[in-house]
Amino acid sequence: MNASLPICFYCKHYNERKCSYFGVEIPDLIFTAGFNHKTPIKNEKILFEFQDNITKDERDRIDYTYLDKQRAKQVLKNLKGMII
């Protein structure tokens, strides 16, 4: 697992470089700030679910690495105005 990858790369709803819900316009909160997307950003019905081939150990590391919405919002706020 690479912590610099967005969590989308481990999600069953992400393929062909797009998300089943967001398409290619994945919000910065997820793609840049590391939000785990286990709760909605607004009112989306599709949330993060692990791909079937992700092992329990990998799931534990991924769950530990990515942030809840409040922490990800703070990261995004801190990044605002910076070149990323």
Foldseek 3Di string as FASTA:
>chain_A
DDLLAFCLVFFPQDDPCAGVFCGVCDDCLGGPLQAQQPDPPPDDPDGGDGDPPQDPVNVVVSVVRGDHSVNSVVSVVVCPPPDD
